[in-house]
Amino acid sequence: MDDFAIVELYHRREQLAIAESDKKYGPLCRSIAQRLLGCREDAEECVNDTWYAAWDKMPPDRPQSLGAFLGRITRNLSISRWRRDHARKRYDGMELLLSELEDCVPAPGTVEEDLERQQLAGIVSAWLDGLEDQERRLFIRRYWYGDPVKELAAGRGEGANAIAQRLLRLRKGLRAFLESEGVSV
């Protein structure tokens, strides 16, 4: 079933929408949640919460890309769950991803946080648009989907150290671009 038909099922409030979403996007959502949380049971709960959240958001939302819409919901739910579960503990999976990016992305916390976040998202999108396709995919696979460096390396037929170096150069490039756009890092 195509995305438009699935969205229509949500708008008609038909339970089949959830089953079709799970059939088409369940593996993607489970992969996102699993990589961020590291626990299959927690990941499954986040995916189930994704279907509930999608049910609440549609209508009125009509996402252009259902996969991206559901992936974003899953990612946000997984991050929230991770933060809740690890508020006082150190955790290797998500903390590593966040720590790699903290040197090139400013921390939130100002009064104008929402506006700044939107501006920052636009700047980062512009930076991503300026990358070669392979570099953009590498960055997104690592920092959006949370793919491990070893897995990225294996998929590209390169060594993990080479991928880690490319990611470092990309982060430095992002930082330089943000600073050139007037974002204090």
C-alpha atoms as a PDB file:
ATOM      1  CA  MET A   1       0.000   0.000   0.000  1.00  0.00           C
ATOM      2  CA  ASP A   2       1.372   3.433  -0.879  1.00  0.00           C
ATOM      3  CA  ASP A   3       1.882   6.272   1.599  1.00  0.00           C
ATOM      4  CA  PHE A   4      -1.059   8.325   0.359  1.00  0.00           C
ATOM      5  CA  ALA A   5      -3.442   5.410   0.943  1.00  0.00           C
ATOM      6  CA  ILE A   6      -2.054   4.826   4.439  1.00  0.00           C
ATOM      7  CA  VAL A   7      -2.469   8.517   5.327  1.00  0.00           C
ATOM      8  CA  GLU A   8      -6.045   8.344   4.040  1.00  0.00           C
ATOM      9  CA  LEU A   9      -6.667   5.385   6.363  1.00  0.00           C
ATOM     10  CA  TYR A  10      -5.477   7.505   9.286  1.00  0.00           C
ATOM     11  CA  HIS A  11      -7.769  10.334   8.230  1.00  0.00           C
ATOM     12  CA  ARG A  12     -10.728   7.938   8.004  1.00  0.00           C
ATOM     13  CA  ARG A  13      -9.731   6.627  11.485  1.00  0.00           C
ATOM     14  CA  GLU A  14      -9.374   3.047  10.253  1.00  0.00           C
ATOM     15  CA  GLN A  15      -7.314   0.685  12.423  1.00  0.00           C
ATOM     16  CA  LEU A  16      -5.820  -0.798   9.260  1.00  0.00           C
ATOM     17  CA  ALA A  17      -3.642   2.338   9.066  1.00  0.00           C
ATOM     18  CA  ILE A  18      -1.567   1.118  11.993  1.00  0.00           C
ATOM     19  CA  ALA A  19      -1.145  -2.377  10.562  1.00  0.00           C
ATOM     20  CA  GLU A  20      -0.125  -0.974   7.171  1.00  0.00           C
ATOM     21  CA  SER A  21       2.272   1.496   8.797  1.00  0.00           C
ATOM     22  CA  ASP A  22       3.858  -1.304  10.770  1.00  0.00           C
ATOM     23  CA  LYS A  23       4.138  -3.516   7.697  1.00  0.00           C
ATOM     24  CA  LYS A  24       5.767  -0.814   5.575  1.00  0.00           C
ATOM     25  CA  TYR A  25       7.725   1.256   8.135  1.00  0.00           C
ATOM     26  CA  GLY A  26       7.976  -0.998  11.192  1.00  0.00           C
ATOM     27  CA  PRO A  27      11.482  -2.262  10.337  1.00  0.00           C
ATOM     28  CA  LEU A  28      12.762   1.302   9.805  1.00  0.00           C
ATOM     29  CA  CYS A  29      11.219   2.550  13.045  1.00  0.00           C
ATOM     30  CA  ARG A  30      12.470  -0.471  15.012  1.00  0.00           C
ATOM     31  CA  SER A  31      15.963   0.064  13.632  1.00  0.00           C
ATOM     32  CA  ILE A  32      15.975   3.726  14.682  1.00  0.00           C
ATOM     33  CA  ALA A  33      14.689   2.959  18.173  1.00  0.00           C
ATOM     34  CA  GLN A  34      16.985  -0.044  18.648  1.00  0.00           C
ATOM     35  CA  ARG A  35      20.085   1.916  17.689  1.00  0.00           C
ATOM     36  CA  LEU A  36      19.240   4.747  20.033  1.00  0.00           C
ATOM     37  CA  LEU A  37      18.033   2.702  22.990  1.00  0.00           C
ATOM     38  CA  GLY A  38      20.061  -0.491  22.664  1.00  0.00           C
ATOM     39  CA  CYS A  39      17.235  -2.560  24.142  1.00  0.00           C
ATOM     40  CA  ARG A  40      14.817  -4.488  21.943  1.00  0.00           C
ATOM     41  CA  GLU A  41      11.938  -4.270  24.406  1.00  0.00           C
ATOM     42  CA  ASP A  42      12.307  -0.507  24.861  1.00  0.00           C
ATOM     43  CA  ALA A  43      12.600  -0.085  21.101  1.00  0.00           C
ATOM     44  CA  GLU A  44       9.408  -2.066  20.545  1.00  0.00           C
ATOM     45  CA  GLU A  45       7.559   0.102  23.064  1.00  0.00           C
ATOM     46  CA  CYS A  46       8.725   3.254  21.279  1.00  0.00           C
ATOM     47  CA  VAL A  47       7.558   1.876  17.944  1.00  0.00           C
ATOM     48  CA  ASN A  48       4.153   1.077  19.429  1.00  0.00           C
ATOM     49  CA  ASP A  49       4.058   4.608  20.845  1.00  0.00           C
ATOM     50  CA  THR A  50       4.893   5.855  17.345  1.00  0.00           C
ATOM     51  CA  TRP A  51       1.715   4.334  15.937  1.00  0.00           C
ATOM     52  CA  TYR A  52      -0.294   5.938  18.754  1.00  0.00           C
ATOM     53  CA  ALA A  53       1.344   9.330  18.152  1.00  0.00           C
ATOM     54  CA  ALA A  54       0.749   9.049  14.396  1.00  0.00           C
ATOM     55  CA  TRP A  55      -2.899   8.237  15.109  1.00  0.00           C
ATOM     56  CA  ASP A  56      -3.147  11.427  17.212  1.00  0.00           C
ATOM     57  CA  LYS A  57      -1.348  13.645  14.684  1.00  0.00           C
ATOM     58  CA  MET A  58      -3.285  12.519  11.596  1.00  0.00           C
ATOM     59  CA  PRO A  59      -5.601  14.309  11.149  1.00  0.00           C
ATOM     60  CA  PRO A  60      -4.858  17.168  10.877  1.00  0.00           C
ATOM     61  CA  ASP A  61      -1.322  16.419   9.617  1.00  0.00           C
ATOM     62  CA  ARG A  62      -0.847  15.130   6.075  1.00  0.00           C
ATOM     63  CA  PRO A  63       2.865  14.283   5.905  1.00  0.00           C
ATOM     64  CA  GLN A  64       4.627  14.616   2.561  1.00  0.00           C
ATOM     65  CA  SER A  65       6.814  11.636   3.431  1.00  0.00           C
ATOM     66  CA  LEU A  66       5.167   9.121   5.727  1.00  0.00           C
ATOM     67  CA  GLY A  67       8.472   7.298   6.320  1.00  0.00           C
ATOM     68  CA  ALA A  68      10.226  10.487   7.438  1.00  0.00           C
ATOM     69  CA  PHE A  69       7.201  11.486   9.536  1.00  0.00           C
ATOM     70  CA  LEU A  70       7.077   8.138  11.353  1.00  0.00           C
ATOM     71  CA  GLY A  71      10.883   7.979  11.627  1.00  0.00           C
ATOM     72  CA  ARG A  72      10.958  11.425  13.237  1.00  0.00           C
ATOM     73  CA  ILE A  73       8.275  10.439  15.735  1.00  0.00           C
ATOM     74  CA  THR A  74      10.158   7.243  16.605  1.00  0.00           C
ATOM     75  CA  ARG A  75      13.449   9.089  16.956  1.00  0.00           C
ATOM     76  CA  ASN A  76      11.969  11.768  19.195  1.00  0.00           C
ATOM     77  CA  LEU A  77      10.183   9.203  21.371  1.00  0.00           C
ATOM     78  CA  SER A  78      13.374   7.137  21.628  1.00  0.00           C
ATOM     79  CA  ILE A  79      15.463  10.143  22.618  1.00  0.00           C
ATOM     80  CA  SER A  80      12.885  11.151  25.229  1.00  0.00           C
ATOM     81  CA  ARG A  81      12.823   7.624  26.601  1.00  0.00           C
ATOM     82  CA  TRP A  82      16.623   7.476  26.645  1.00  0.00           C
ATOM     83  CA  ARG A  83      16.821  10.764  28.519  1.00  0.00           C
ATOM     84  CA  ARG A  84      14.233   9.592  31.035  1.00  0.00           C
ATOM     85  CA  ASP A  85      15.885   6.212  31.558  1.00  0.00           C
ATOM     86  CA  HIS A  86      19.396   7.591  31.781  1.00  0.00           C
ATOM     87  CA  ALA A  87      18.863  10.865  33.563  1.00  0.00           C
ATOM     88  CA  ARG A  88      21.387   9.916  36.250  1.00  0.00           C
ATOM     89  CA  LYS A  89      23.368   7.239  34.433  1.00  0.00           C
ATOM     90  CA  ARG A  90      25.964   7.273  31.723  1.00  0.00           C
ATOM     91  CA  TYR A  91      24.993   5.352  28.604  1.00  0.00           C
ATOM     92  CA  ASP A  92      27.339   4.554  25.779  1.00  0.00           C
ATOM     93  CA  GLY A  93      25.031   4.441  22.716  1.00  0.00           C
ATOM     94  CA  MET A  94      23.189   7.751  22.589  1.00  0.00           C
ATOM     95  CA  GLU A  95      25.721   9.612  24.703  1.00  0.00           C
ATOM     96  CA  LEU A  96      28.439   8.804  22.201  1.00  0.00           C
ATOM     97  CA  LEU A  97      26.369  10.173  19.305  1.00  0.00           C
ATOM     98  CA  LEU A  98      25.503  13.332  21.195  1.00  0.00           C
ATOM     99  CA  SER A  99      29.047  13.863  22.441  1.00  0.00           C
ATOM    100  CA  GLU A 100      30.405  13.623  18.886  1.00  0.00           C
ATOM    101  CA  LEU A 101      28.117  16.461  17.820  1.00  0.00           C
ATOM    102  CA  GLU A 102      28.352  18.684  20.905  1.00  0.00           C
ATOM    103  CA  ASP A 103      31.489  20.445  19.660  1.00  0.00           C
ATOM    104  CA  CYS A 104      29.781  21.691  16.524  1.00  0.00           C
ATOM    105  CA  VAL A 105      26.161  22.286  17.581  1.00  0.00           C
ATOM    106  CA  PRO A 106      25.274  24.880  20.201  1.00  0.00           C
ATOM    107  CA  ALA A 107      23.427  23.821  23.320  1.00  0.00           C
ATOM    108  CA  PRO A 108      19.811  25.008  23.677  1.00  0.00           C
ATOM    109  CA  GLY A 109      18.523  26.876  26.683  1.00  0.00           C
ATOM    110  CA  THR A 110      17.827  30.468  25.741  1.00  0.00           C
ATOM    111  CA  VAL A 111      14.494  32.264  25.813  1.00  0.00           C
ATOM    112  CA  GLU A 112      14.357  32.237  22.017  1.00  0.00           C
ATOM    113  CA  GLU A 113      15.071  28.513  21.888  1.00  0.00           C
ATOM    114  CA  ASP A 114      12.356  27.580  19.401  1.00  0.00           C
ATOM    115  CA  LEU A 115      13.252  30.297  16.922  1.00  0.00           C
ATOM    116  CA  GLU A 116      16.950  29.551  17.214  1.00  0.00           C
ATOM    117  CA  ARG A 117      16.280  25.832  16.773  1.00  0.00           C
ATOM    118  CA  GLN A 118      14.342  26.510  13.566  1.00  0.00           C
ATOM    119  CA  GLN A 119      17.095  28.778  12.266  1.00  0.00           C
ATOM    120  CA  LEU A 120      19.713  26.211  13.205  1.00  0.00           C
ATOM    121  CA  ALA A 121      17.752  23.473  11.437  1.00  0.00           C
ATOM    122  CA  GLY A 122      17.625  25.606   8.299  1.00  0.00           C
ATOM    123  CA  ILE A 123      21.359  26.266   8.434  1.00  0.00           C
ATOM    124  CA  VAL A 124      22.181  22.589   8.987  1.00  0.00           C
ATOM    125  CA  SER A 125      19.854  21.653   6.103  1.00  0.00           C
ATOM    126  CA  ALA A 126      21.644  24.140   3.861  1.00  0.00           C
ATOM    127  CA  TRP A 127      24.982  22.636   4.888  1.00  0.00           C
ATOM    128  CA  LEU A 128      23.704  19.116   4.186  1.00  0.00           C
ATOM    129  CA  ASP A 129      22.389  20.239   0.780  1.00  0.00           C
ATOM    130  CA  GLY A 130      25.884  21.448  -0.069  1.00  0.00           C
ATOM    131  CA  LEU A 131      27.494  18.069   0.600  1.00  0.00           C
ATOM    132  CA  GLU A 132      28.134  15.383  -1.958  1.00  0.00           C
ATOM    133  CA  ASP A 133      25.484  12.678  -1.867  1.00  0.00           C
ATOM    134  CA  GLN A 134      27.761  10.061  -0.231  1.00  0.00           C
ATOM    135  CA  GLU A 135      28.907  12.448   2.482  1.00  0.00           C
ATOM    136  CA  ARG A 136      25.335  13.574   3.220  1.00  0.00           C
ATOM    137  CA  ARG A 137      24.150   9.958   3.454  1.00  0.00           C
ATOM    138  CA  LEU A 138      27.061   9.081   5.749  1.00  0.00           C
ATOM    139  CA  PHE A 139      26.315  11.999   8.077  1.00  0.00           C
ATOM    140  CA  ILE A 140      22.596  11.266   8.201  1.00  0.00           C
ATOM    141  CA  ARG A 141      23.089   7.536   8.686  1.00  0.00           C
ATOM    142  CA  ARG A 142      25.400   8.206  11.626  1.00  0.00           C
ATOM    143  CA  TYR A 143      23.694  11.122  13.329  1.00  0.00           C
ATOM    144  CA  TRP A 144      20.037  10.654  12.440  1.00  0.00           C
ATOM    145  CA  TYR A 145      19.692   6.875  12.284  1.00  0.00           C
ATOM    146  CA  GLY A 146      22.517   6.179  14.738  1.00  0.00           C
ATOM    147  CA  ASP A 147      24.296   3.591  12.601  1.00  0.00           C
ATOM    148  CA  PRO A 148      27.509   2.362  14.242  1.00  0.00           C
ATOM    149  CA  VAL A 149      30.779   3.370  12.583  1.00  0.00           C
ATOM    150  CA  LYS A 150      31.727  -0.283  12.053  1.00  0.00           C
ATOM    151  CA  GLU A 151      28.461  -0.946  10.232  1.00  0.00           C
ATOM    152  CA  LEU A 152      28.896   2.133   8.057  1.00  0.00           C
ATOM    153  CA  ALA A 153      32.425   1.036   7.231  1.00  0.00           C
ATOM    154  CA  ALA A 154      31.345  -2.498   6.340  1.00  0.00           C
ATOM    155  CA  GLY A 155      28.567  -1.185   4.113  1.00  0.00           C
ATOM    156  CA  ARG A 156      31.010   1.023   2.237  1.00  0.00           C
ATOM    157  CA  GLY A 157      33.894  -1.436   2.083  1.00  0.00           C
ATOM    158  CA  GLU A 158      36.126   0.903   4.072  1.00  0.00           C
ATOM    159  CA  GLY A 159      37.885   0.664   7.393  1.00  0.00           C
ATOM    160  CA  ALA A 160      36.232   1.961  10.551  1.00  0.00           C
ATOM    161  CA  ASN A 161      39.102   4.420  11.073  1.00  0.00           C
ATOM    162  CA  ALA A 162      38.604   5.882   7.600  1.00  0.00           C
ATOM    163  CA  ILE A 163      34.889   6.385   8.273  1.00  0.00           C
ATOM    164  CA  ALA A 164      35.633   7.899  11.686  1.00  0.00           C
ATOM    165  CA  GLN A 165      38.020  10.359  10.019  1.00  0.00           C
ATOM    166  CA  ARG A 166      35.444  11.284   7.380  1.00  0.00           C
ATOM    167  CA  LEU A 167      32.882  11.874  10.120  1.00  0.00           C
ATOM    168  CA  LEU A 168      35.379  14.036  12.003  1.00  0.00           C
ATOM    169  CA  ARG A 169      35.992  16.119   8.864  1.00  0.00           C
ATOM    170  CA  LEU A 170      32.236  16.427   8.348  1.00  0.00           C
ATOM    171  CA  ARG A 171      31.726  17.611  11.933  1.00  0.00           C
ATOM    172  CA  LYS A 172      34.540  20.139  11.535  1.00  0.00           C
ATOM    173  CA  GLY A 173      32.977  21.283   8.280  1.00  0.00           C
ATOM    174  CA  LEU A 174      29.605  21.668   9.992  1.00  0.00           C
ATOM    175  CA  ARG A 175      31.172  23.663  12.789  1.00  0.00           C
ATOM    176  CA  ALA A 176      32.964  25.956  10.359  1.00  0.00           C
ATOM    177  CA  PHE A 177      29.773  26.433   8.340  1.00  0.00           C
ATOM    178  CA  LEU A 178      27.760  27.237  11.458  1.00  0.00           C
ATOM    179  CA  GLU A 179      30.363  29.765  12.579  1.00  0.00           C
ATOM    180  CA  SER A 180      30.398  31.352   9.103  1.00  0.00           C
ATOM    181  CA  GLU A 181      26.614  31.733   9.393  1.00  0.00           C
ATOM    182  CA  GLY A 182      27.017  33.536  12.720  1.00  0.00           C
ATOM    183  CA  VAL A 183      26.028  30.642  14.985  1.00  0.00           C
ATOM    184  CA  SER A 184      28.142  30.596  18.120  1.00  0.00           C
ATOM    185  CA  VAL A 185      29.231  27.082  18.908  1.00  0.00           C
END
